[in-house]
C-alpha atoms as a PDB file:
ATOM      1  CA  MET A   1     133.412 185.767  96.153  1.00  0.00           C
ATOM      2  CA  THR A   2     130.745 185.142  98.795  1.00  0.00           C
ATOM      3  CA  ARG A   3     129.633 181.627  99.685  1.00  0.00           C
ATOM      4  CA  ASP A   4     126.125 182.281  98.383  1.00  0.00           C
ATOM      5  CA  LYS A   5     127.444 183.457  95.025  1.00  0.00           C
ATOM      6  CA  GLU A   6     129.870 180.538  94.805  1.00  0.00           C
ATOM      7  CA  MET A   7     127.092 178.050  95.530  1.00  0.00           C
ATOM      8  CA  GLU A   8     124.775 179.715  93.000  1.00  0.00           C
ATOM      9  CA  GLU A   9     127.459 179.417  90.328  1.00  0.00           C
ATOM     10  CA  ARG A  10     127.938 175.727  91.116  1.00  0.00           C
ATOM     11  CA  LEU A  11     124.203 175.098  90.995  1.00  0.00           C
ATOM     12  CA  GLN A  12     124.025 176.845  87.630  1.00  0.00           C
ATOM     13  CA  LYS A  13     126.960 174.781  86.334  1.00  0.00           C
ATOM     14  CA  ILE A  14     125.294 171.562  87.513  1.00  0.00           C
ATOM     15  CA  MET A  15     122.079 172.488  85.734  1.00  0.00           C
ATOM     16  CA  GLU A  16     123.942 173.231  82.519  1.00  0.00           C
ATOM     17  CA  PHE A  17     125.757 169.881  82.757  1.00  0.00           C
ATOM     18  CA  LEU A  18     122.557 167.956  83.543  1.00  0.00           C
ATOM     19  CA  THR A  19     120.778 169.531  80.581  1.00  0.00           C
ATOM     20  CA  LYS A  20     123.630 168.937  78.145  1.00  0.00           C
ATOM     21  CA  PHE A  21     124.261 165.372  79.366  1.00  0.00           C
ATOM     22  CA  ALA A  22     120.582 164.375  79.153  1.00  0.00           C
ATOM     23  CA  ASP A  23     120.251 165.878  75.672  1.00  0.00           C
ATOM     24  CA  SER A  24     123.206 163.878  74.351  1.00  0.00           C
ATOM     25  CA  SER A  25     122.798 160.625  76.298  1.00  0.00           C
ATOM     26  CA  GLY A  26     119.100 160.337  77.019  1.00  0.00           C
ATOM     27  CA  TYR A  27     119.717 159.742  80.717  1.00  0.00           C
ATOM     28  CA  SER A  28     121.216 161.646  83.643  1.00  0.00           C
ATOM     29  CA  PRO A  29     124.854 161.597  84.797  1.00  0.00           C
ATOM     30  CA  SER A  30     126.011 159.856  87.947  1.00  0.00           C
ATOM     31  CA  ILE A  31     126.859 161.682  91.169  1.00  0.00           C
ATOM     32  CA  ARG A  32     130.559 161.148  90.498  1.00  0.00           C
ATOM     33  CA  GLU A  33     130.302 162.467  86.947  1.00  0.00           C
ATOM     34  CA  ILE A  34     128.599 165.593  88.251  1.00  0.00           C
ATOM     35  CA  GLY A  35     131.365 165.987  90.846  1.00  0.00           C
ATOM     36  CA  ASP A  36     134.051 165.676  88.166  1.00  0.00           C
ATOM     37  CA  GLU A  37     132.298 168.351  86.090  1.00  0.00           C
ATOM     38  CA  ILE A  38     132.243 170.916  88.920  1.00  0.00           C
ATOM     39  CA  ASN A  39     135.588 169.778  90.394  1.00  0.00           C
ATOM     40  CA  VAL A  40     134.092 168.498  93.662  1.00  0.00           C
ATOM     41  CA  LYS A  41     135.401 165.168  94.944  1.00  0.00           C
ATOM     42  CA  SER A  42     132.910 164.774  97.806  1.00  0.00           C
ATOM     43  CA  THR A  43     129.816 162.886  96.627  1.00  0.00           C
ATOM     44  CA  SER A  44     127.966 164.030  99.746  1.00  0.00           C
ATOM     45  CA  LEU A  45     128.572 167.663  98.745  1.00  0.00           C
ATOM     46  CA  VAL A  46     127.282 166.956  95.234  1.00  0.00           C
ATOM     47  CA  ASP A  47     124.244 165.333  96.834  1.00  0.00           C
ATOM     48  CA  PHE A  48     123.754 168.497  98.919  1.00  0.00           C
ATOM     49  CA  TYR A  49     123.735 170.625  95.760  1.00  0.00           C
ATOM     50  CA  LEU A  50     121.210 168.302  94.128  1.00  0.00           C
ATOM     51  CA  ASP A  51     118.996 168.593  97.209  1.00  0.00           C
ATOM     52  CA  LYS A  52     119.092 172.389  96.808  1.00  0.00           C
ATOM     53  CA  LEU A  53     118.108 172.130  93.151  1.00  0.00           C
ATOM     54  CA  GLU A  54     115.267 169.772  94.041  1.00  0.00           C
ATOM     55  CA  GLU A  55     114.025 172.136  96.774  1.00  0.00           C
ATOM     56  CA  ARG A  56     113.910 174.947  94.204  1.00  0.00           C
ATOM     57  CA  GLY A  57     111.924 172.787  91.798  1.00  0.00           C
ATOM     58  CA  ASP A  58     114.684 172.702  89.169  1.00  0.00           C
ATOM     59  CA  ILE A  59     115.056 168.916  89.177  1.00  0.00           C
ATOM     60  CA  LEU A  60     113.269 165.749  90.321  1.00  0.00           C
ATOM     61  CA  ARG A  61     115.046 162.537  91.324  1.00  0.00           C
ATOM     62  CA  GLU A  62     114.755 159.214  93.090  1.00  0.00           C
ATOM     63  CA  LYS A  63     117.590 159.179  95.612  1.00  0.00           C
ATOM     64  CA  HIS A  64     117.931 155.409  95.696  1.00  0.00           C
ATOM     65  CA  ILE A  65     117.874 154.949  91.942  1.00  0.00           C
ATOM     66  CA  SER A  66     121.018 155.623  89.934  1.00  0.00           C
ATOM     67  CA  ARG A  67     120.837 158.165  87.099  1.00  0.00           C
ATOM     68  CA  SER A  68     117.272 159.135  87.976  1.00  0.00           C
ATOM     69  CA  ILE A  69     117.623 162.937  87.777  1.00  0.00           C
ATOM     70  CA  ARG A  70     114.982 164.696  85.677  1.00  0.00           C
ATOM     71  CA  VAL A  71     115.570 168.295  84.672  1.00  0.00           C
ATOM     72  CA  LEU A  72     112.371 170.271  85.195  1.00  0.00           C
ATOM     73  CA  LYS A  73     113.778 173.685  84.308  1.00  0.00           C
ATOM     74  CA  PRO A  74     116.408 173.632  81.552  1.00  0.00           C
ATOM     75  CA  ALA A  75     119.532 175.649  82.306  1.00  0.00           C
ATOM     76  CA  ASN A  76     118.746 178.244  79.648  1.00  0.00           C
ATOM     77  CA  ARG A  77     115.436 178.989  81.377  1.00  0.00           C
ATOM     78  CA  ILE A  78     117.237 179.437  84.696  1.00  0.00           C
ATOM     79  CA  THR A  79     119.747 181.783  83.088  1.00  0.00           C
ATOM     80  CA  GLN A  80     116.882 183.779  81.610  1.00  0.00           C
ATOM     81  CA  ALA A  81     115.174 184.007  84.997  1.00  0.00           C
ATOM     82  CA  VAL A  82     118.399 185.226  86.601  1.00  0.00           C
ATOM     83  CA  GLU A  83     118.857 187.829  83.869  1.00  0.00           C
ATOM     84  CA  GLN A  84     115.282 189.013  84.354  1.00  0.00           C
ATOM     85  CA  ALA A  85     115.824 189.289  88.121  1.00  0.00           C
ATOM     86  CA  VAL A  86     119.021 191.310  87.617  1.00  0.00           C
ATOM     87  CA  SER A  87     117.217 193.543  85.119  1.00  0.00           C
ATOM     88  CA  ALA A  88     114.421 194.151  87.634  1.00  0.00           C
ATOM     89  CA  ILE A  89     116.934 195.054  90.352  1.00  0.00           C
ATOM     90  CA  ASN A  90     118.648 197.531  88.041  1.00  0.00           C
ATOM     91  CA  GLU A  91     115.399 199.068  86.799  1.00  0.00           C
ATOM     92  CA  VAL A  92     115.340 202.797  87.536  1.00  0.00           C
ATOM     93  CA  PHE A  93     112.288 204.525  88.974  1.00  0.00           C
ATOM     94  CA  SER A  94     111.489 208.214  89.301  1.00  0.00           C
ATOM     95  CA  ILE A  95     110.204 209.181  92.738  1.00  0.00           C
ATOM     96  CA  PRO A  96     108.488 212.600  92.982  1.00  0.00           C
ATOM     97  CA  ILE A  97     109.977 215.283  95.221  1.00  0.00           C
ATOM     98  CA  LEU A  98     106.961 216.842  96.930  1.00  0.00           C
ATOM     99  CA  GLY A  99     108.595 219.554  99.000  1.00  0.00           C
ATOM    100  CA  ARG A 100     110.698 220.203 102.109  1.00  0.00           C
ATOM    101  CA  ILE A 101     110.545 218.778 105.622  1.00  0.00           C
ATOM    102  CA  VAL A 102     112.078 220.548 108.621  1.00  0.00           C
ATOM    103  CA  ALA A 103     114.540 218.611 110.760  1.00  0.00           C
ATOM    104  CA  GLY A 104     114.494 220.993 113.711  1.00  0.00           C
ATOM    105  CA  SER A 105     111.801 222.622 115.811  1.00  0.00           C
ATOM    106  CA  PRO A 106     108.386 222.361 114.147  1.00  0.00           C
ATOM    107  CA  ILE A 107     107.762 225.463 112.102  1.00  0.00           C
ATOM    108  CA  PRO A 108     104.752 226.697 110.132  1.00  0.00           C
ATOM    109  CA  VAL A 109     104.554 225.264 106.651  1.00  0.00           C
ATOM    110  CA  PRO A 110     105.195 228.192 104.296  1.00  0.00           C
ATOM    111  CA  GLU A 111     102.710 228.525 101.488  1.00  0.00           C
ATOM    112  CA  SER A 112     105.577 228.680  99.027  1.00  0.00           C
ATOM    113  CA  SER A 113     107.371 225.585 100.311  1.00  0.00           C
ATOM    114  CA  LEU A 114     106.132 223.361  97.515  1.00  0.00           C
ATOM    115  CA  ARG A 115     106.638 225.897  94.762  1.00  0.00           C
ATOM    116  CA  TYR A 116     110.386 225.337  94.877  1.00  0.00           C
ATOM    117  CA  PHE A 117     109.698 221.998  93.181  1.00  0.00           C
ATOM    118  CA  ASP A 118     107.742 221.876  89.952  1.00  0.00           C
ATOM    119  CA  SER A 119     105.344 219.072  89.113  1.00  0.00           C
ATOM    120  CA  GLU A 120     108.092 217.156  87.331  1.00  0.00           C
ATOM    121  CA  SER A 121     110.706 217.303  90.119  1.00  0.00           C
ATOM    122  CA  SER A 122     111.859 213.802  90.939  1.00  0.00           C
ATOM    123  CA  VAL A 123     114.817 211.666  91.943  1.00  0.00           C
ATOM    124  CA  SER A 124     115.856 208.536  90.008  1.00  0.00           C
ATOM    125  CA  ILE A 125     116.569 205.423  92.075  1.00  0.00           C
ATOM    126  CA  ALA A 126     117.412 201.857  91.019  1.00  0.00           C
ATOM    127  CA  ARG A 127     114.995 199.208  92.290  1.00  0.00           C
ATOM    128  CA  GLY A 128     117.881 197.377  93.968  1.00  0.00           C
ATOM    129  CA  MET A 129     118.574 200.373  96.232  1.00  0.00           C
ATOM    130  CA  LEU A 130     115.075 200.336  97.679  1.00  0.00           C
ATOM    131  CA  PRO A 131     113.820 198.011 100.418  1.00  0.00           C
ATOM    132  CA  SER A 132     112.428 194.984  98.570  1.00  0.00           C
ATOM    133  CA  ARG A 133     109.069 195.123 100.352  1.00  0.00           C
ATOM    134  CA  GLU A 134     108.295 198.715  99.386  1.00  0.00           C
ATOM    135  CA  LYS A 135     105.975 199.542  96.473  1.00  0.00           C
ATOM    136  CA  VAL A 136     107.359 202.360  94.362  1.00  0.00           C
ATOM    137  CA  ASP A 137     103.903 203.928  93.962  1.00  0.00           C
ATOM    138  CA  ASP A 138     103.760 204.424  97.760  1.00  0.00           C
ATOM    139  CA  LEU A 139     106.996 206.437  97.870  1.00  0.00           C
ATOM    140  CA  PHE A 140     107.762 210.138  97.659  1.00  0.00           C
ATOM    141  CA  ALA A 141     110.775 212.322  98.442  1.00  0.00           C
ATOM    142  CA  LEU A 142     111.269 215.382 100.642  1.00  0.00           C
ATOM    143  CA  GLU A 143     114.239 217.701 100.936  1.00  0.00           C
ATOM    144  CA  VAL A 144     115.515 218.043 104.518  1.00  0.00           C
ATOM    145  CA  GLN A 145     115.979 221.473 106.054  1.00  0.00           C
ATOM    146  CA  GLY A 146     117.865 221.659 109.363  1.00  0.00           C
ATOM    147  CA  ASP A 147     120.227 219.459 111.359  1.00  0.00           C
ATOM    148  CA  SER A 148     118.213 217.882 114.166  1.00  0.00           C
ATOM    149  CA  MET A 149     118.690 214.392 112.648  1.00  0.00           C
ATOM    150  CA  ILE A 150     122.429 214.535 111.924  1.00  0.00           C
ATOM    151  CA  ASP A 151     123.250 211.553 114.177  1.00  0.00           C
ATOM    152  CA  ALA A 152     120.863 209.522 112.025  1.00  0.00           C
ATOM    153  CA  MET A 153     122.992 210.516 109.006  1.00  0.00           C
ATOM    154  CA  VAL A 154     120.328 212.954 107.789  1.00  0.00           C
ATOM    155  CA  ASN A 155     121.842 216.337 107.030  1.00  0.00           C
ATOM    156  CA  ASP A 156     120.553 219.667 105.783  1.00  0.00           C
ATOM    157  CA  GLY A 157     119.892 219.387 102.044  1.00  0.00           C
ATOM    158  CA  ASP A 158     119.608 215.592 101.980  1.00  0.00           C
ATOM    159  CA  LEU A 159     116.622 213.867 100.419  1.00  0.00           C
ATOM    160  CA  VAL A 160     114.563 211.422 102.448  1.00  0.00           C
ATOM    161  CA  ILE A 161     112.537 208.787 100.645  1.00  0.00           C
ATOM    162  CA  MET A 162     109.231 208.408 102.472  1.00  0.00           C
ATOM    163  CA  LYS A 163     106.613 205.677 102.457  1.00  0.00           C
ATOM    164  CA  ARG A 164     103.067 206.986 102.660  1.00  0.00           C
ATOM    165  CA  THR A 165     101.571 205.892 105.968  1.00  0.00           C
ATOM    166  CA  GLU A 166      99.360 207.282 108.713  1.00  0.00           C
ATOM    167  CA  VAL A 167     100.654 205.015 111.489  1.00  0.00           C
ATOM    168  CA  ALA A 168     104.047 204.674 113.135  1.00  0.00           C
ATOM    169  CA  GLU A 169     105.774 202.354 115.581  1.00  0.00           C
ATOM    170  CA  ASN A 170     108.060 203.536 118.361  1.00  0.00           C
ATOM    171  CA  GLY A 171     111.428 204.415 116.881  1.00  0.00           C
ATOM    172  CA  ASP A 172     110.222 205.121 113.331  1.00  0.00           C
ATOM    173  CA  MET A 173     111.612 208.250 111.675  1.00  0.00           C
ATOM    174  CA  VAL A 174     108.526 210.009 110.401  1.00  0.00           C
ATOM    175  CA  ALA A 175     107.152 213.217 108.951  1.00  0.00           C
ATOM    176  CA  VAL A 176     104.810 214.624 111.606  1.00  0.00           C
ATOM    177  CA  TRP A 177     102.180 217.277 110.961  1.00  0.00           C
ATOM    178  CA  LEU A 178     100.437 219.207 113.750  1.00  0.00           C
ATOM    179  CA  PRO A 179      97.183 220.396 112.124  1.00  0.00           C
ATOM    180  CA  ASP A 180      96.143 222.774 114.911  1.00  0.00           C
ATOM    181  CA  VAL A 181      99.178 224.987 114.314  1.00  0.00           C
ATOM    182  CA  ASN A 182      99.959 223.885 110.743  1.00  0.00           C
ATOM    183  CA  GLU A 183     103.496 222.866 111.738  1.00  0.00           C
ATOM    184  CA  THR A 184     105.589 220.001 110.434  1.00  0.00           C
ATOM    185  CA  THR A 185     108.845 218.264 111.405  1.00  0.00           C
ATOM    186  CA  LEU A 186     110.992 215.163 110.830  1.00  0.00           C
ATOM    187  CA  LYS A 187     111.718 213.192 114.011  1.00  0.00           C
ATOM    188  CA  TYR A 188     111.865 209.776 115.646  1.00  0.00           C
ATOM    189  CA  PHE A 189     108.376 209.012 116.962  1.00  0.00           C
ATOM    190  CA  TYR A 190     107.505 207.510 120.365  1.00  0.00           C
ATOM    191  CA  LYS A 191     104.257 206.972 122.281  1.00  0.00           C
ATOM    192  CA  GLU A 192     104.689 207.559 126.012  1.00  0.00           C
ATOM    193  CA  GLY A 193     101.651 207.358 128.269  1.00  0.00           C
ATOM    194  CA  ASP A 194      99.485 210.416 127.653  1.00  0.00           C
ATOM    195  CA  ARG A 195     101.939 212.107 125.293  1.00  0.00           C
ATOM    196  CA  TYR A 196     104.001 211.688 122.137  1.00  0.00           C
ATOM    197  CA  ARG A 197     107.748 212.222 122.086  1.00  0.00           C
ATOM    198  CA  LEU A 198     109.350 213.586 118.927  1.00  0.00           C
ATOM    199  CA  GLN A 199     113.008 212.727 119.383  1.00  0.00           C
ATOM    200  CA  PRO A 200     115.778 214.503 117.468  1.00  0.00           C
ATOM    201  CA  ALA A 201     119.030 212.732 116.603  1.00  0.00           C
ATOM    202  CA  ASN A 202     121.218 215.598 117.732  1.00  0.00           C
ATOM    203  CA  PRO A 203     122.664 215.738 121.274  1.00  0.00           C
ATOM    204  CA  THR A 204     122.371 219.530 121.355  1.00  0.00           C
ATOM    205  CA  MET A 205     118.583 219.439 120.910  1.00  0.00           C
ATOM    206  CA  ASN A 206     115.828 218.405 123.310  1.00  0.00           C
ATOM    207  CA  PRO A 207     112.885 216.159 122.501  1.00  0.00           C
ATOM    208  CA  ILE A 208     109.507 217.690 121.747  1.00  0.00           C
ATOM    209  CA  TYR A 209     106.588 216.460 123.853  1.00  0.00           C
ATOM    210  CA  ILE A 210     103.026 216.676 122.586  1.00  0.00           C
ATOM    211  CA  ASP A 211      99.919 215.902 124.625  1.00  0.00           C
ATOM    212  CA  LYS A 212      97.838 213.122 123.069  1.00  0.00           C
ATOM    213  CA  LYS A 213      94.796 215.376 123.273  1.00  0.00           C
ATOM    214  CA  ARG A 214      96.308 217.347 120.412  1.00  0.00           C
ATOM    215  CA  GLU A 215      95.879 216.024 116.900  1.00  0.00           C
ATOM    216  CA  VAL A 216      99.053 214.554 115.463  1.00  0.00           C
ATOM    217  CA  GLN A 217      99.172 213.217 111.920  1.00  0.00           C
ATOM    218  CA  ILE A 218     101.826 210.913 110.495  1.00  0.00           C
ATOM    219  CA  LYS A 219     102.393 211.708 106.821  1.00  0.00           C
ATOM    220  CA  GLY A 220     105.129 209.211 105.997  1.00  0.00           C
ATOM    221  CA  LYS A 221     107.964 207.030 107.270  1.00  0.00           C
ATOM    222  CA  VAL A 222     111.572 207.309 106.120  1.00  0.00           C
ATOM    223  CA  VAL A 223     112.772 204.229 104.240  1.00  0.00           C
ATOM    224  CA  MET A 224     115.929 205.647 102.664  1.00  0.00           C
ATOM    225  CA  VAL A 225     118.204 208.702 102.784  1.00  0.00           C
ATOM    226  CA  ILE A 226     119.980 210.151  99.764  1.00  0.00           C
ATOM    227  CA  ARG A 227     123.009 212.156 100.839  1.00  0.00           C
ATOM    228  CA  GLN A 228     123.748 215.393  99.042  1.00  0.00           C
ATOM    229  CA  VAL A 229     127.529 215.672  98.698  1.00  0.00           C
ATOM    230  CA  ALA A 230     128.835 219.207  98.411  1.00  0.00           C
ATOM    231  CA  PRO A 231     131.134 219.789  95.427  1.00  0.00           C
ATOM    232  CA  VAL A 232     134.846 219.962  96.198  1.00  0.00           C
ATOM    233  CA  ALA A 233     136.274 223.442  95.782  1.00  0.00           C
ATOM    234  CA  ALA A 234     138.836 223.769  93.002  1.00  0.00           C
END
């Protein structure tokens, strides 16, 4: 058990004890009584836990007044909040698969590239697997073709989950479109003086340099990779 989980369980147990004790007695337990309940002999450690609960807004107390703890959020409400948070993490979303992206030399986008996927093609992902800051509505998936990003653990046939964006920072793995030649590729992106560098993650391949006078469009940034595991032969 991790320290964070252990502390969270103790905080939950304290809240349950505070709620039950106040309901039956009409006042709060002492520091020592709380320690006995959670099997902690150190009163300073119990005080530390109470400080954490007060910081979270679960309780209110006067430190220099005995039995002055007021429960602001009953334990059952905390349990409900935790259950709701877990439910949100486990919620499954469908992210649309929009087509293929080449991880290799930029190649012309075939007119039929998107027809491989119908309008209902998608991949299901639990909320907890996605970066917490990302909005699901901003995400889409592309199937990778090629092996220029294998050292970044992106292989041929994998799915990359992309965040819609038109800007990129140095080192971002992005989908790049070159409108003048209608070519697209998946690479690490770097700005270098008067040119852009599209860097593969494969030691056998060279970077691609593009003069800044040419139009370069960022179509999305990779936020997650879904590996496609080949079935084991019988």
